[in-house]
Amino acid sequence: MYTPAHFHETDAAAIEALIEAYPLAALVAQTPEGLVANHLPLLRERDALVGHIALANDLHRLLDEGAEVLAIFRGEDRYISPNWYPTKAETHKAVPTWNYQVVHVHGRISFQHDRKTKLAVVGRLTKRHEEAVNGTAGWRMADAPKDYLDMMLENIVAFRIEIARVLAKSKLNQNRADADFNAVAEQMAGRGKAGLAARMKELGKSR
C-alpha cells in the first residue's frame, strides 16, 4: 500500500479501534487459481486474527498451511471537495481528493477442522457482536437446538492468522494548512462521518 509518511498511521490504539469498529475484512490470498478475496468478520486476539469460512469455500483446499494472506480493514471514507478549503479562495491551489482510513494486516493462515476450535471461534465472534447489538439479551449458541448447531459447525472451517506485519493509513488532509484541515474536520462531523471527524480531531491536537 502506498503510504506517504504524513498519512502513515502509527497510533496503536487508533489501529485497534478501527479493527474493532469495522471487523468485516477483505481477506486476500494468492492461490493456484489466482488472487482470491473473501469478505469475513475477523476477531483480533493478541498477535492473531481468527474467523471461519464455509466448508464449501475452497479457500482451505487451495491454500497450504502457513500460506501468506492479507486482511484489509476499511473504515469510513469520504470524497473531499476543494470548495471546502478556505485557502482555495486565496490561491485556487486545490484539487479533489478522498479521505479514508484503512488497516492492512499481513500474516500466515492455518485452518482448524476440529469441533472444539470451531465452537470456540464461533462462540467468541457471536459473543462480541451480540453484546454490541443486544447487550445482555443477546443470542447465545445454547439457544439453538444441539443437533442443529452440530450440523452448522460441521459445515464450517475455522482459521487463525498469525500476524506478521500491520500497515495502517489515515489519509485525512494532514498535508493541508491548518485552516483547510479544520474545515474538512467540521465537514466530516456535519456529514455524519463521526469516525473520520474523531480521528481528525485527535490529529489536530498535535498539529
Protein backbone atom coordinates (compact mmCIF):
# COMPACT_ATOMS: atom_id res chain seq x y z
CA MET A 1 0.00 0.00 0.00
CA TYR A 2 1.38 3.39 -0.99
CA THR A 3 1.72 5.30 2.27
CA PRO A 4 3.40 8.73 2.35
CA ALA A 5 4.93 9.47 5.73
CA HIS A 6 2.32 12.11 6.62
CA PHE A 7 -0.51 9.57 6.10
CA HIS A 8 1.18 6.68 7.93
CA GLU A 9 -0.98 5.74 10.94
CA THR A 10 1.23 4.73 13.85
CA ASP A 11 -1.15 5.11 16.80
CA ALA A 12 -1.69 1.54 18.05
CA ALA A 13 -4.91 2.48 19.84
CA ALA A 14 -6.35 4.08 16.68
CA ILE A 15 -5.45 0.99 14.66
CA GLU A 16 -7.07 -1.36 17.15
CA ALA A 17 -10.14 0.86 17.32
CA LEU A 18 -10.59 0.68 13.55
CA ILE A 19 -10.31 -3.13 13.50
CA GLU A 20 -12.81 -3.29 16.36
CA ALA A 21 -15.27 -0.89 14.72
CA TYR A 22 -15.02 -2.37 11.19
CA PRO A 23 -14.43 -6.12 11.67
CA LEU A 24 -15.63 -7.19 8.21
CA ALA A 25 -12.31 -7.61 6.41
CA ALA A 26 -11.40 -8.41 2.84
CA LEU A 27 -9.18 -11.49 3.16
CA VAL A 28 -6.92 -11.67 0.11
CA ALA A 29 -4.80 -14.68 -0.87
CA GLN A 30 -2.75 -15.85 -3.82
CA THR A 31 -3.94 -19.34 -4.85
CA PRO A 32 -3.25 -21.72 -7.74
CA GLU A 33 -6.42 -20.26 -9.28
CA GLY A 34 -5.13 -16.69 -8.93
CA LEU A 35 -5.94 -13.96 -6.44
CA VAL A 36 -8.97 -14.73 -4.26
CA ALA A 37 -10.77 -12.30 -1.92
CA ASN A 38 -13.32 -13.23 0.74
CA HIS A 39 -15.21 -10.80 2.95
CA LEU A 40 -15.25 -12.14 6.50
CA PRO A 41 -15.75 -10.84 10.05
CA LEU A 42 -12.48 -11.30 11.93
CA LEU A 43 -11.61 -11.02 15.60
CA ARG A 44 -8.25 -9.78 16.89
CA GLU A 45 -6.74 -12.00 19.56
CA ARG A 46 -3.38 -10.61 20.67
CA ASP A 47 -0.99 -11.45 17.80
CA ALA A 48 -3.56 -13.24 15.65
CA LEU A 49 -6.85 -12.87 13.78
CA VAL A 50 -9.48 -15.61 13.97
CA GLY A 51 -12.56 -16.37 11.92
CA HIS A 52 -14.30 -19.07 9.92
CA ILE A 53 -15.41 -19.86 6.38
CA ALA A 54 -17.97 -22.22 4.88
CA LEU A 55 -16.77 -25.78 4.33
CA ALA A 56 -17.88 -25.34 0.72
CA ASN A 57 -15.47 -22.42 0.34
CA ASP A 58 -12.42 -23.84 -1.45
CA LEU A 59 -10.01 -21.46 0.29
CA HIS A 60 -8.98 -24.09 2.82
CA ARG A 61 -8.28 -26.53 -0.02
CA LEU A 62 -6.41 -24.06 -2.21
CA LEU A 63 -4.02 -22.73 0.43
CA ASP A 64 -1.15 -24.60 2.04
CA GLU A 65 -0.75 -24.48 5.80
CA GLY A 66 1.01 -21.25 6.68
CA ALA A 67 0.22 -19.53 3.38
CA GLU A 68 0.61 -15.76 3.37
CA VAL A 69 -2.63 -13.75 3.38
CA LEU A 70 -3.66 -10.12 3.67
CA ALA A 71 -6.64 -8.90 5.71
CA ILE A 72 -7.86 -5.41 4.78
CA PHE A 73 -9.98 -3.49 7.30
CA ARG A 74 -11.56 -0.35 5.86
CA GLY A 75 -13.05 2.40 7.97
CA GLU A 76 -15.08 5.41 6.89
CA ASP A 77 -14.28 7.28 3.70
CA ARG A 78 -15.48 10.49 2.02
CA TYR A 79 -14.94 12.49 -1.14
CA ILE A 80 -13.35 15.85 -0.32
CA SER A 81 -14.33 18.89 -2.39
CA PRO A 82 -11.80 21.70 -2.95
CA ASN A 83 -14.66 24.10 -2.17
CA TRP A 84 -14.30 23.15 1.49
CA TYR A 85 -10.79 24.62 1.75
CA PRO A 86 -10.67 28.24 2.97
CA THR A 87 -7.32 28.69 1.18
CA LYS A 88 -8.94 27.92 -2.20
CA ALA A 89 -10.39 31.44 -2.34
CA GLU A 90 -6.89 32.85 -1.91
CA THR A 91 -4.71 30.63 -4.10
CA HIS A 92 -7.04 28.32 -6.05
CA LYS A 93 -4.36 25.66 -5.49
CA ALA A 94 -6.68 22.81 -4.62
CA VAL A 95 -7.99 19.67 -6.28
CA PRO A 96 -10.50 17.00 -5.18
CA THR A 97 -9.27 14.12 -3.03
CA TRP A 98 -10.60 11.27 -0.93
CA ASN A 99 -10.19 10.83 2.82
CA TYR A 100 -10.17 7.35 4.34
CA GLN A 101 -8.75 5.05 6.99
CA VAL A 102 -7.52 1.53 6.29
CA VAL A 103 -5.50 -1.18 8.05
CA HIS A 104 -3.61 -3.94 6.24
CA VAL A 105 -2.76 -7.00 8.33
CA HIS A 106 -0.28 -9.43 6.80
CA GLY A 107 0.05 -12.91 8.24
CA ARG A 108 0.09 -16.66 7.74
CA ILE A 109 -3.08 -18.70 7.88
CA SER A 110 -3.82 -22.12 9.32
CA PHE A 111 -7.14 -23.96 9.23
CA GLN A 112 -8.80 -25.94 12.01
CA HIS A 113 -11.41 -28.61 11.40
CA ASP A 114 -11.94 -29.91 14.95
CA ARG A 115 -15.26 -29.21 16.64
CA LYS A 116 -13.69 -27.71 19.77
CA THR A 117 -11.84 -24.97 17.87
CA LYS A 118 -14.79 -24.19 15.60
CA LEU A 119 -17.11 -23.93 18.59
CA ALA A 120 -14.67 -21.59 20.36
CA VAL A 121 -14.21 -19.30 17.34
CA VAL A 122 -17.95 -19.05 16.63
CA GLY A 123 -18.61 -18.52 20.33
CA ARG A 124 -16.15 -15.63 20.63
CA LEU A 125 -17.36 -13.93 17.45
CA THR A 126 -21.00 -14.33 18.48
CA LYS A 127 -20.40 -13.03 22.00
CA ARG A 128 -18.54 -9.98 20.70
CA HIS A 129 -21.21 -8.93 18.22
CA GLU A 130 -24.32 -9.98 20.12
CA GLU A 131 -23.24 -7.99 23.17
CA ALA A 132 -22.67 -4.97 20.95
CA VAL A 133 -26.11 -5.26 19.36
CA ASN A 134 -28.32 -6.73 22.08
CA GLY A 135 -26.39 -6.39 25.35
CA THR A 136 -27.35 -8.95 27.99
CA ALA A 137 -30.31 -10.07 25.86
CA GLY A 138 -28.01 -11.25 23.07
CA TRP A 139 -28.47 -14.54 21.24
CA ARG A 140 -26.42 -17.40 22.63
CA MET A 141 -25.30 -20.57 20.93
CA ALA A 142 -27.15 -22.53 23.59
CA ASP A 143 -30.38 -21.02 22.25
CA ALA A 144 -30.13 -23.25 19.16
CA PRO A 145 -31.03 -26.97 19.24
CA LYS A 146 -27.86 -29.04 19.73
CA ASP A 147 -28.36 -31.16 16.62
CA TYR A 148 -28.88 -28.04 14.51
CA LEU A 149 -25.78 -26.37 15.98
CA ASP A 150 -23.72 -29.51 15.36
CA MET A 151 -24.85 -29.54 11.73
CA MET A 152 -23.91 -25.88 11.30
CA LEU A 153 -20.48 -26.47 12.85
CA GLU A 154 -19.88 -29.40 10.52
CA ASN A 155 -20.31 -27.03 7.60
CA ILE A 156 -17.64 -24.50 8.57
CA VAL A 157 -13.85 -24.40 8.88
CA ALA A 158 -12.13 -22.25 11.49
CA PHE A 159 -8.90 -20.42 10.78
CA ARG A 160 -6.20 -18.48 12.56
CA ILE A 161 -3.90 -15.86 11.03
CA GLU A 162 -0.63 -15.30 12.87
CA ILE A 163 0.11 -11.61 12.36
CA ALA A 164 3.46 -10.80 10.77
CA ARG A 165 3.04 -7.12 9.91
CA VAL A 166 0.48 -4.32 10.24
CA LEU A 167 0.41 -1.27 7.98
CA ALA A 168 -2.18 1.43 8.59
CA LYS A 169 -3.05 4.59 6.73
CA SER A 170 -5.15 7.57 7.77
CA LYS A 171 -5.43 9.91 4.78
CA LEU A 172 -7.07 12.89 6.46
CA ASN A 173 -5.71 16.09 4.89
CA GLN A 174 -2.65 16.15 7.15
CA ASN A 175 -0.78 17.70 4.23
CA ARG A 176 -3.07 20.75 4.11
CA ALA A 177 -2.86 24.05 6.01
CA ASP A 178 -4.47 24.18 9.44
CA ALA A 179 -7.43 26.19 8.13
CA ASP A 180 -8.15 23.58 5.45
CA PHE A 181 -7.63 20.66 7.83
CA ASN A 182 -10.00 22.11 10.42
CA ALA A 183 -12.61 22.99 7.80
CA VAL A 184 -12.65 19.43 6.47
CA ALA A 185 -12.91 18.05 10.02
CA GLU A 186 -16.02 20.19 10.50
CA GLN A 187 -17.44 18.94 7.20
CA MET A 188 -16.91 15.32 8.32
CA ALA A 189 -18.70 15.95 11.60
CA GLY A 190 -21.57 17.68 9.84
CA ARG A 191 -21.94 14.98 7.19
CA GLY A 192 -22.23 12.03 9.57
CA LYS A 193 -18.64 10.79 9.27
CA ALA A 194 -18.09 10.55 13.02
CA GLY A 195 -15.11 8.20 12.74
CA LEU A 196 -13.19 10.45 10.37
CA ALA A 197 -14.11 13.54 12.37
CA ALA A 198 -12.96 11.98 15.65
CA ARG A 199 -9.61 10.87 14.26
CA MET A 200 -9.05 14.29 12.66
CA LYS A 201 -9.82 15.92 15.99
CA GLU A 202 -7.17 13.78 17.66
CA LEU A 203 -4.64 14.51 14.93
CA GLY A 204 -5.44 18.21 15.18
CA LYS A 205 -4.19 18.33 18.76
CA SER A 206 -0.64 17.65 17.59
CA ARG A 207 -0.59 19.94 14.54
